[in-house]
């Protein structure tokens, strides 16, 4: 189904982490559908969507976050939605994890979501707007050697629920998306080698990684009027990974063995 060219006509939207990956695709999708987009990132995007503005922002710095929201409102006249998408990863045994790494992951992935939401809420109240946070399926389950990332994304999942209850009183919706493995720069290390990619795809019922556009579609749905009665929801977009109990596909192995294709 194609994009609705008017779904976000004249809506002012901020996308953090908007220079690459999911953020870049989300900013582009909003712009195609008529939104006035602010792309906020530490790095300048290679190309801005039509009509978009770029602001260099560190989401862990409250002064910079406040300035980002204030400048967007000054230039657009309002704020209708903020997508808190900026995030970083870390993978190593907890016993070897430096405190500075733990704190940095939380600063970007969790505190950044808090700071951006805090700055945006008064303006979203005026427009009865909404917040969409990029969480992760790593926030609803555990991964090997990713304690800081898991914990920080788990914080986003429950912050989304709590903030939704609070903001419902002022007519502001708050939701999140929980992507699975997505073809982004953040995931390049686990997808670039064929054998690693195959190992991952064995665990994805749809047998492919998500694309940034897949996640952008979910984010823009939650931000749209089509989701006007949805708040406090963490929308899983993972190709079916979390639908699985984790048990092996023993029936397929039995069938293959019966056909003489293996042990």
C-alpha atoms as a PDB file:
ATOM      1  CA  UNK A   1       0.000   0.000   0.000  1.00  0.00           C
ATOM      2  CA  UNK A   2       1.478   3.350  -1.017  1.00  0.00           C
ATOM      3  CA  UNK A   3       2.007   6.391   1.128  1.00  0.00           C
ATOM      4  CA  UNK A   4      -0.838   8.844   1.644  1.00  0.00           C
ATOM      5  CA  UNK A   5       0.523  12.142   0.289  1.00  0.00           C
ATOM      6  CA  UNK A   6      -1.628  14.162   2.691  1.00  0.00           C
ATOM      7  CA  UNK A   7      -1.776  12.101   5.889  1.00  0.00           C
ATOM      8  CA  UNK A   8       0.604  14.482   7.674  1.00  0.00           C
ATOM      9  CA  UNK A   9      -0.088  17.618   5.650  1.00  0.00           C
ATOM     10  CA  UNK A  10       1.374  20.634   7.506  1.00  0.00           C
ATOM     11  CA  UNK A  11       2.172  18.552  10.598  1.00  0.00           C
ATOM     12  CA  UNK A  12       5.428  19.529  12.319  1.00  0.00           C
ATOM     13  CA  UNK A  13       7.482  16.463  13.215  1.00  0.00           C
ATOM     14  CA  UNK A  14      10.894  15.956  14.845  1.00  0.00           C
ATOM     15  CA  UNK A  15      12.835  12.746  14.167  1.00  0.00           C
ATOM     16  CA  UNK A  16      15.911  12.231  16.337  1.00  0.00           C
ATOM     17  CA  UNK A  17      18.661  10.033  14.971  1.00  0.00           C
ATOM     18  CA  UNK A  18      17.203  11.062  11.633  1.00  0.00           C
ATOM     19  CA  UNK A  19      20.369  11.049   9.522  1.00  0.00           C
ATOM     20  CA  UNK A  20      20.611   7.311   8.881  1.00  0.00           C
ATOM     21  CA  UNK A  21      18.890   3.957   9.176  1.00  0.00           C
ATOM     22  CA  UNK A  22      15.389   3.863  10.642  1.00  0.00           C
ATOM     23  CA  UNK A  23      15.433   7.599  11.388  1.00  0.00           C
ATOM     24  CA  UNK A  24      16.352   8.507   7.816  1.00  0.00           C
ATOM     25  CA  UNK A  25      13.584   6.312   6.409  1.00  0.00           C
ATOM     26  CA  UNK A  26      11.084   7.697   8.916  1.00  0.00           C
ATOM     27  CA  UNK A  27      11.924  11.314   8.118  1.00  0.00           C
ATOM     28  CA  UNK A  28      11.567  10.551   4.407  1.00  0.00           C
ATOM     29  CA  UNK A  29       8.215   8.813   4.911  1.00  0.00           C
ATOM     30  CA  UNK A  30       6.822  11.715   6.960  1.00  0.00           C
ATOM     31  CA  UNK A  31       8.014  14.218   4.341  1.00  0.00           C
ATOM     32  CA  UNK A  32       6.460  12.283   1.462  1.00  0.00           C
ATOM     33  CA  UNK A  33       3.173  12.350   3.354  1.00  0.00           C
ATOM     34  CA  UNK A  34       3.230  16.119   3.758  1.00  0.00           C
ATOM     35  CA  UNK A  35       4.951  16.660   7.111  1.00  0.00           C
ATOM     36  CA  UNK A  36       7.289  19.524   7.952  1.00  0.00           C
ATOM     37  CA  UNK A  37      10.210  17.495   9.269  1.00  0.00           C
ATOM     38  CA  UNK A  38      13.070  18.408  11.569  1.00  0.00           C
ATOM     39  CA  UNK A  39      15.912  15.921  11.207  1.00  0.00           C
ATOM     40  CA  UNK A  40      17.887  15.955  14.461  1.00  0.00           C
ATOM     41  CA  UNK A  41      21.167  14.083  14.653  1.00  0.00           C
ATOM     42  CA  UNK A  42      24.793  14.387  15.690  1.00  0.00           C
ATOM     43  CA  UNK A  43      25.700  13.872  12.026  1.00  0.00           C
ATOM     44  CA  UNK A  44      24.392  15.773   9.035  1.00  0.00           C
ATOM     45  CA  UNK A  45      22.368  13.578   6.662  1.00  0.00           C
ATOM     46  CA  UNK A  46      23.648  12.925   3.167  1.00  0.00           C
ATOM     47  CA  UNK A  47      20.356  14.253   1.846  1.00  0.00           C
ATOM     48  CA  UNK A  48      17.472  16.045   3.527  1.00  0.00           C
ATOM     49  CA  UNK A  49      13.877  15.230   2.632  1.00  0.00           C
ATOM     50  CA  UNK A  50      12.110  17.982   0.728  1.00  0.00           C
ATOM     51  CA  UNK A  51      11.126  20.835   3.038  1.00  0.00           C
ATOM     52  CA  UNK A  52      13.001  19.390   6.016  1.00  0.00           C
ATOM     53  CA  UNK A  53      15.405  21.243   8.284  1.00  0.00           C
ATOM     54  CA  UNK A  54      18.487  19.779   9.971  1.00  0.00           C
ATOM     55  CA  UNK A  55      19.513  20.482  13.545  1.00  0.00           C
ATOM     56  CA  UNK A  56      22.707  19.080  15.048  1.00  0.00           C
ATOM     57  CA  UNK A  57      21.655  17.742  18.435  1.00  0.00           C
ATOM     58  CA  UNK A  58      23.096  15.572  21.198  1.00  0.00           C
ATOM     59  CA  UNK A  59      19.983  14.066  22.811  1.00  0.00           C
ATOM     60  CA  UNK A  60      21.865  13.550  26.088  1.00  0.00           C
ATOM     61  CA  UNK A  61      22.269  17.325  26.514  1.00  0.00           C
ATOM     62  CA  UNK A  62      19.114  18.921  27.922  1.00  0.00           C
ATOM     63  CA  UNK A  63      20.014  22.408  26.708  1.00  0.00           C
ATOM     64  CA  UNK A  64      20.498  21.161  23.142  1.00  0.00           C
ATOM     65  CA  UNK A  65      17.249  19.179  23.281  1.00  0.00           C
ATOM     66  CA  UNK A  66      15.297  22.188  24.520  1.00  0.00           C
ATOM     67  CA  UNK A  67      16.846  24.338  21.794  1.00  0.00           C
ATOM     68  CA  UNK A  68      15.883  21.723  19.167  1.00  0.00           C
ATOM     69  CA  UNK A  69      12.241  21.793  20.208  1.00  0.00           C
ATOM     70  CA  UNK A  70      12.152  25.570  20.591  1.00  0.00           C
ATOM     71  CA  UNK A  71      13.711  26.171  17.168  1.00  0.00           C
ATOM     72  CA  UNK A  72      11.338  23.726  15.510  1.00  0.00           C
ATOM     73  CA  UNK A  73       8.345  25.461  17.071  1.00  0.00           C
ATOM     74  CA  UNK A  74       9.753  28.878  16.156  1.00  0.00           C
ATOM     75  CA  UNK A  75      10.184  27.871  12.509  1.00  0.00           C
ATOM     76  CA  UNK A  76       7.075  25.718  12.118  1.00  0.00           C
ATOM     77  CA  UNK A  77       4.740  27.456  14.538  1.00  0.00           C
ATOM     78  CA  UNK A  78       3.915  24.260  16.435  1.00  0.00           C
ATOM     79  CA  UNK A  79       4.914  20.661  17.122  1.00  0.00           C
ATOM     80  CA  UNK A  80       2.629  17.723  16.297  1.00  0.00           C
ATOM     81  CA  UNK A  81       4.882  14.702  16.825  1.00  0.00           C
ATOM     82  CA  UNK A  82       8.318  13.740  18.054  1.00  0.00           C
ATOM     83  CA  UNK A  83       9.926  10.434  17.122  1.00  0.00           C
ATOM     84  CA  UNK A  84      12.564   9.530  19.695  1.00  0.00           C
ATOM     85  CA  UNK A  85      14.715   7.312  17.536  1.00  0.00           C
ATOM     86  CA  UNK A  86      18.346   8.120  18.424  1.00  0.00           C
ATOM     87  CA  UNK A  87      20.094   5.066  19.813  1.00  0.00           C
ATOM     88  CA  UNK A  88      23.396   3.236  20.186  1.00  0.00           C
ATOM     89  CA  UNK A  89      24.404  -0.336  20.966  1.00  0.00           C
ATOM     90  CA  UNK A  90      26.997  -2.200  23.012  1.00  0.00           C
ATOM     91  CA  UNK A  91      27.859  -5.888  23.246  1.00  0.00           C
ATOM     92  CA  UNK A  92      30.241  -7.422  25.760  1.00  0.00           C
ATOM     93  CA  UNK A  93      30.162  -9.496  28.949  1.00  0.00           C
ATOM     94  CA  UNK A  94      28.805  -7.566  31.919  1.00  0.00           C
ATOM     95  CA  UNK A  95      31.899  -8.432  33.957  1.00  0.00           C
ATOM     96  CA  UNK A  96      33.985  -6.569  31.365  1.00  0.00           C
ATOM     97  CA  UNK A  97      31.550  -3.735  30.637  1.00  0.00           C
ATOM     98  CA  UNK A  98      33.033  -0.324  31.563  1.00  0.00           C
ATOM     99  CA  UNK A  99      30.769   1.874  33.660  1.00  0.00           C
ATOM    100  CA  UNK A 100      31.276   4.639  31.097  1.00  0.00           C
ATOM    101  CA  UNK A 101      29.834   2.410  28.341  1.00  0.00           C
ATOM    102  CA  UNK A 102      26.808   1.450  30.457  1.00  0.00           C
ATOM    103  CA  UNK A 103      26.159   5.110  31.256  1.00  0.00           C
ATOM    104  CA  UNK A 104      26.595   6.208  27.623  1.00  0.00           C
ATOM    105  CA  UNK A 105      24.129   3.593  26.360  1.00  0.00           C
ATOM    106  CA  UNK A 106      21.572   4.680  28.952  1.00  0.00           C
ATOM    107  CA  UNK A 107      22.252   8.360  28.288  1.00  0.00           C
ATOM    108  CA  UNK A 108      21.396   8.032  24.599  1.00  0.00           C
ATOM    109  CA  UNK A 109      18.808   5.241  24.589  1.00  0.00           C
ATOM    110  CA  UNK A 110      16.860   6.055  27.751  1.00  0.00           C
ATOM    111  CA  UNK A 111      17.699   9.513  29.096  1.00  0.00           C
ATOM    112  CA  UNK A 112      17.553  10.948  25.572  1.00  0.00           C
ATOM    113  CA  UNK A 113      13.979   9.696  25.195  1.00  0.00           C
ATOM    114  CA  UNK A 114      13.082  11.268  28.537  1.00  0.00           C
ATOM    115  CA  UNK A 115      14.683  14.634  27.726  1.00  0.00           C
ATOM    116  CA  UNK A 116      13.096  14.882  24.282  1.00  0.00           C
ATOM    117  CA  UNK A 117       9.674  13.909  25.606  1.00  0.00           C
ATOM    118  CA  UNK A 118       9.967  16.359  28.495  1.00  0.00           C
ATOM    119  CA  UNK A 119      10.768  19.239  26.144  1.00  0.00           C
ATOM    120  CA  UNK A 120       8.084  18.291  23.622  1.00  0.00           C
ATOM    121  CA  UNK A 121       5.093  17.597  25.869  1.00  0.00           C
ATOM    122  CA  UNK A 122       3.982  21.218  26.483  1.00  0.00           C
ATOM    123  CA  UNK A 123       3.920  21.842  22.725  1.00  0.00           C
ATOM    124  CA  UNK A 124       2.239  18.512  21.970  1.00  0.00           C
ATOM    125  CA  UNK A 125      -0.469  19.351  24.485  1.00  0.00           C
ATOM    126  CA  UNK A 126      -1.298  22.417  22.410  1.00  0.00           C
ATOM    127  CA  UNK A 127      -1.742  20.351  19.241  1.00  0.00           C
ATOM    128  CA  UNK A 128      -3.022  17.134  20.883  1.00  0.00           C
ATOM    129  CA  UNK A 129      -0.027  15.536  19.241  1.00  0.00           C
ATOM    130  CA  UNK A 130       1.866  12.367  19.990  1.00  0.00           C
ATOM    131  CA  UNK A 131       5.195  10.711  20.769  1.00  0.00           C
ATOM    132  CA  UNK A 132       6.643   7.599  19.125  1.00  0.00           C
ATOM    133  CA  UNK A 133       9.696   5.989  20.698  1.00  0.00           C
ATOM    134  CA  UNK A 134      12.003   3.513  18.977  1.00  0.00           C
ATOM    135  CA  UNK A 135      12.468   0.714  21.493  1.00  0.00           C
ATOM    136  CA  UNK A 136      13.459  -2.834  20.457  1.00  0.00           C
ATOM    137  CA  UNK A 137      12.531  -6.464  20.920  1.00  0.00           C
ATOM    138  CA  UNK A 138      15.704  -6.347  23.037  1.00  0.00           C
ATOM    139  CA  UNK A 139      13.598  -4.340  25.473  1.00  0.00           C
ATOM    140  CA  UNK A 140      11.089  -7.171  25.923  1.00  0.00           C
ATOM    141  CA  UNK A 141      13.520 -10.091  26.128  1.00  0.00           C
ATOM    142  CA  UNK A 142      17.149 -10.884  26.831  1.00  0.00           C
ATOM    143  CA  UNK A 143      20.047 -11.202  24.397  1.00  0.00           C
ATOM    144  CA  UNK A 144      23.487 -12.712  24.867  1.00  0.00           C
ATOM    145  CA  UNK A 145      26.140 -10.184  26.001  1.00  0.00           C
ATOM    146  CA  UNK A 146      23.895  -7.130  25.538  1.00  0.00           C
ATOM    147  CA  UNK A 147      22.898  -6.269  29.102  1.00  0.00           C
ATOM    148  CA  UNK A 148      23.288  -2.498  28.743  1.00  0.00           C
ATOM    149  CA  UNK A 149      21.331  -2.361  25.484  1.00  0.00           C
ATOM    150  CA  UNK A 150      18.631  -4.719  26.788  1.00  0.00           C
ATOM    151  CA  UNK A 151      18.212  -2.757  29.995  1.00  0.00           C
ATOM    152  CA  UNK A 152      18.147   0.629  28.243  1.00  0.00           C
ATOM    153  CA  UNK A 153      15.534  -0.493  25.713  1.00  0.00           C
ATOM    154  CA  UNK A 154      13.503  -2.150  28.469  1.00  0.00           C
ATOM    155  CA  UNK A 155      13.448   1.250  30.123  1.00  0.00           C
ATOM    156  CA  UNK A 156      12.038   2.783  26.929  1.00  0.00           C
ATOM    157  CA  UNK A 157       9.303   0.129  26.739  1.00  0.00           C
ATOM    158  CA  UNK A 158       8.049   0.810  30.260  1.00  0.00           C
ATOM    159  CA  UNK A 159       8.627   4.564  30.054  1.00  0.00           C
ATOM    160  CA  UNK A 160       6.325   4.507  27.029  1.00  0.00           C
ATOM    161  CA  UNK A 161       3.574   2.821  29.032  1.00  0.00           C
ATOM    162  CA  UNK A 162       3.930   5.110  32.020  1.00  0.00           C
ATOM    163  CA  UNK A 163       4.136   8.295  29.964  1.00  0.00           C
ATOM    164  CA  UNK A 164       1.087   7.246  27.940  1.00  0.00           C
ATOM    165  CA  UNK A 165      -0.994   7.030  31.102  1.00  0.00           C
ATOM    166  CA  UNK A 166       0.238  10.425  32.247  1.00  0.00           C
ATOM    167  CA  UNK A 167      -0.187  12.163  28.895  1.00  0.00           C
ATOM    168  CA  UNK A 168      -3.641  10.746  28.182  1.00  0.00           C
ATOM    169  CA  UNK A 169      -4.899  13.367  30.619  1.00  0.00           C
ATOM    170  CA  UNK A 170      -3.776  16.115  28.225  1.00  0.00           C
ATOM    171  CA  UNK A 171      -4.749  14.396  24.988  1.00  0.00           C
ATOM    172  CA  UNK A 172      -1.249  13.318  23.970  1.00  0.00           C
ATOM    173  CA  UNK A 173      -0.685   9.740  22.803  1.00  0.00           C
ATOM    174  CA  UNK A 174       2.598   7.879  23.471  1.00  0.00           C
ATOM    175  CA  UNK A 175       3.593   4.649  21.727  1.00  0.00           C
ATOM    176  CA  UNK A 176       6.716   2.801  20.686  1.00  0.00           C
ATOM    177  CA  UNK A 177       7.906   0.394  18.029  1.00  0.00           C
ATOM    178  CA  UNK A 178      10.001  -2.641  18.907  1.00  0.00           C
ATOM    179  CA  UNK A 179      12.008  -3.588  15.809  1.00  0.00           C
ATOM    180  CA  UNK A 180      13.749  -6.905  15.429  1.00  0.00           C
ATOM    181  CA  UNK A 181      16.878  -7.203  13.312  1.00  0.00           C
ATOM    182  CA  UNK A 182      16.855  -4.413  10.723  1.00  0.00           C
ATOM    183  CA  UNK A 183      19.231  -3.725   7.842  1.00  0.00           C
ATOM    184  CA  UNK A 184      20.861  -0.594   9.313  1.00  0.00           C
ATOM    185  CA  UNK A 185      24.432   0.565  10.028  1.00  0.00           C
ATOM    186  CA  UNK A 186      23.888  -0.487  13.675  1.00  0.00           C
ATOM    187  CA  UNK A 187      23.239  -4.080  12.554  1.00  0.00           C
ATOM    188  CA  UNK A 188      25.905  -4.264   9.847  1.00  0.00           C
ATOM    189  CA  UNK A 189      28.332  -6.277  11.996  1.00  0.00           C
ATOM    190  CA  UNK A 190      25.832  -9.127  12.406  1.00  0.00           C
ATOM    191  CA  UNK A 191      24.535  -9.154   8.841  1.00  0.00           C
ATOM    192  CA  UNK A 192      27.546  -8.442   6.634  1.00  0.00           C
ATOM    193  CA  UNK A 193      28.942 -11.999   6.663  1.00  0.00           C
ATOM    194  CA  UNK A 194      26.878 -14.582   4.811  1.00  0.00           C
ATOM    195  CA  UNK A 195      27.124 -17.259   7.487  1.00  0.00           C
ATOM    196  CA  UNK A 196      26.162 -14.803  10.255  1.00  0.00           C
ATOM    197  CA  UNK A 197      23.258 -13.543   8.177  1.00  0.00           C
ATOM    198  CA  UNK A 198      22.029 -17.088   7.519  1.00  0.00           C
ATOM    199  CA  UNK A 199      22.291 -17.889  11.240  1.00  0.00           C
ATOM    200  CA  UNK A 200      20.069 -14.891  12.029  1.00  0.00           C
ATOM    201  CA  UNK A 201      17.544 -15.563   9.288  1.00  0.00           C
ATOM    202  CA  UNK A 202      16.995 -19.133  10.544  1.00  0.00           C
ATOM    203  CA  UNK A 203      15.395 -17.502  13.575  1.00  0.00           C
ATOM    204  CA  UNK A 204      13.186 -15.071  11.654  1.00  0.00           C
ATOM    205  CA  UNK A 205       9.955 -16.741  10.475  1.00  0.00           C
ATOM    206  CA  UNK A 206       9.766 -14.366   7.498  1.00  0.00           C
ATOM    207  CA  UNK A 207      13.386 -15.296   6.654  1.00  0.00           C
ATOM    208  CA  UNK A 208      14.596 -11.771   5.979  1.00  0.00           C
ATOM    209  CA  UNK A 209      15.809  -8.807   8.007  1.00  0.00           C
ATOM    210  CA  UNK A 210      13.530  -5.839   8.362  1.00  0.00           C
ATOM    211  CA  UNK A 211      14.200  -2.748   6.300  1.00  0.00           C
ATOM    212  CA  UNK A 212      14.242   0.809   7.637  1.00  0.00           C
ATOM    213  CA  UNK A 213      11.132   1.386   5.516  1.00  0.00           C
ATOM    214  CA  UNK A 214       9.322  -1.428   7.364  1.00  0.00           C
ATOM    215  CA  UNK A 215       9.898   0.331  10.678  1.00  0.00           C
ATOM    216  CA  UNK A 216       9.117   3.767   9.230  1.00  0.00           C
ATOM    217  CA  UNK A 217       5.732   2.436   8.119  1.00  0.00           C
ATOM    218  CA  UNK A 218       4.958   1.302  11.668  1.00  0.00           C
ATOM    219  CA  UNK A 219       6.138   4.583  13.199  1.00  0.00           C
ATOM    220  CA  UNK A 220       4.088   6.723  10.847  1.00  0.00           C
ATOM    221  CA  UNK A 221       1.031   4.547  11.460  1.00  0.00           C
ATOM    222  CA  UNK A 222       1.317   5.111  15.221  1.00  0.00           C
ATOM    223  CA  UNK A 223       1.800   8.842  14.624  1.00  0.00           C
ATOM    224  CA  UNK A 224      -1.237   9.084  12.347  1.00  0.00           C
ATOM    225  CA  UNK A 225      -4.917   9.623  13.041  1.00  0.00           C
ATOM    226  CA  UNK A 226      -5.453   5.975  12.072  1.00  0.00           C
ATOM    227  CA  UNK A 227      -3.996   5.172  15.499  1.00  0.00           C
ATOM    228  CA  UNK A 228      -6.053   7.760  17.375  1.00  0.00           C
ATOM    229  CA  UNK A 229      -7.272   5.220  19.950  1.00  0.00           C
ATOM    230  CA  UNK A 230      -3.871   3.589  20.484  1.00  0.00           C
ATOM    231  CA  UNK A 231      -1.672   4.721  23.331  1.00  0.00           C
ATOM    232  CA  UNK A 232       0.785   2.984  25.649  1.00  0.00           C
ATOM    233  CA  UNK A 233       1.399   0.308  23.034  1.00  0.00           C
ATOM    234  CA  UNK A 234       4.724  -1.262  22.056  1.00  0.00           C
ATOM    235  CA  UNK A 235       4.267  -2.400  18.464  1.00  0.00           C
ATOM    236  CA  UNK A 236       6.546  -5.330  17.652  1.00  0.00           C
ATOM    237  CA  UNK A 237       7.913  -5.294  14.079  1.00  0.00           C
ATOM    238  CA  UNK A 238      10.245  -8.275  13.976  1.00  0.00           C
ATOM    239  CA  UNK A 239       9.303 -10.686  11.202  1.00  0.00           C
ATOM    240  CA  UNK A 240       7.876 -13.060  13.807  1.00  0.00           C
ATOM    241  CA  UNK A 241      10.935 -13.607  16.028  1.00  0.00           C
ATOM    242  CA  UNK A 242       9.119 -13.002  19.313  1.00  0.00           C
ATOM    243  CA  UNK A 243       6.165 -15.162  18.243  1.00  0.00           C
ATOM    244  CA  UNK A 244       8.500 -18.154  18.664  1.00  0.00           C
ATOM    245  CA  UNK A 245       8.777 -20.142  21.892  1.00  0.00           C
ATOM    246  CA  UNK A 246      12.467 -20.706  21.186  1.00  0.00           C
ATOM    247  CA  UNK A 247      11.991 -24.441  20.721  1.00  0.00           C
ATOM    248  CA  UNK A 248      13.615 -25.996  17.625  1.00  0.00           C
ATOM    249  CA  UNK A 249      11.763 -26.864  14.433  1.00  0.00           C
ATOM    250  CA  UNK A 250      12.012 -30.579  15.203  1.00  0.00           C
ATOM    251  CA  UNK A 251       9.164 -31.549  12.862  1.00  0.00           C
ATOM    252  CA  UNK A 252      11.065 -30.152   9.886  1.00  0.00           C
ATOM    253  CA  UNK A 253      14.180 -32.043  10.994  1.00  0.00           C
ATOM    254  CA  UNK A 254      12.164 -35.268  11.280  1.00  0.00           C
ATOM    255  CA  UNK A 255      10.716 -34.749   7.810  1.00  0.00           C
ATOM    256  CA  UNK A 256      14.141 -34.056   6.324  1.00  0.00           C
ATOM    257  CA  UNK A 257      15.565 -37.146   8.032  1.00  0.00           C
ATOM    258  CA  UNK A 258      12.723 -39.281   6.671  1.00  0.00           C
ATOM    259  CA  UNK A 259      13.510 -37.968   3.196  1.00  0.00           C
ATOM    260  CA  UNK A 260      17.187 -38.799   3.634  1.00  0.00           C
ATOM    261  CA  UNK A 261      18.364 -35.180   3.770  1.00  0.00           C
ATOM    262  CA  UNK A 262      20.266 -35.294   7.021  1.00  0.00           C
ATOM    263  CA  UNK A 263      20.485 -36.537  10.549  1.00  0.00           C
END
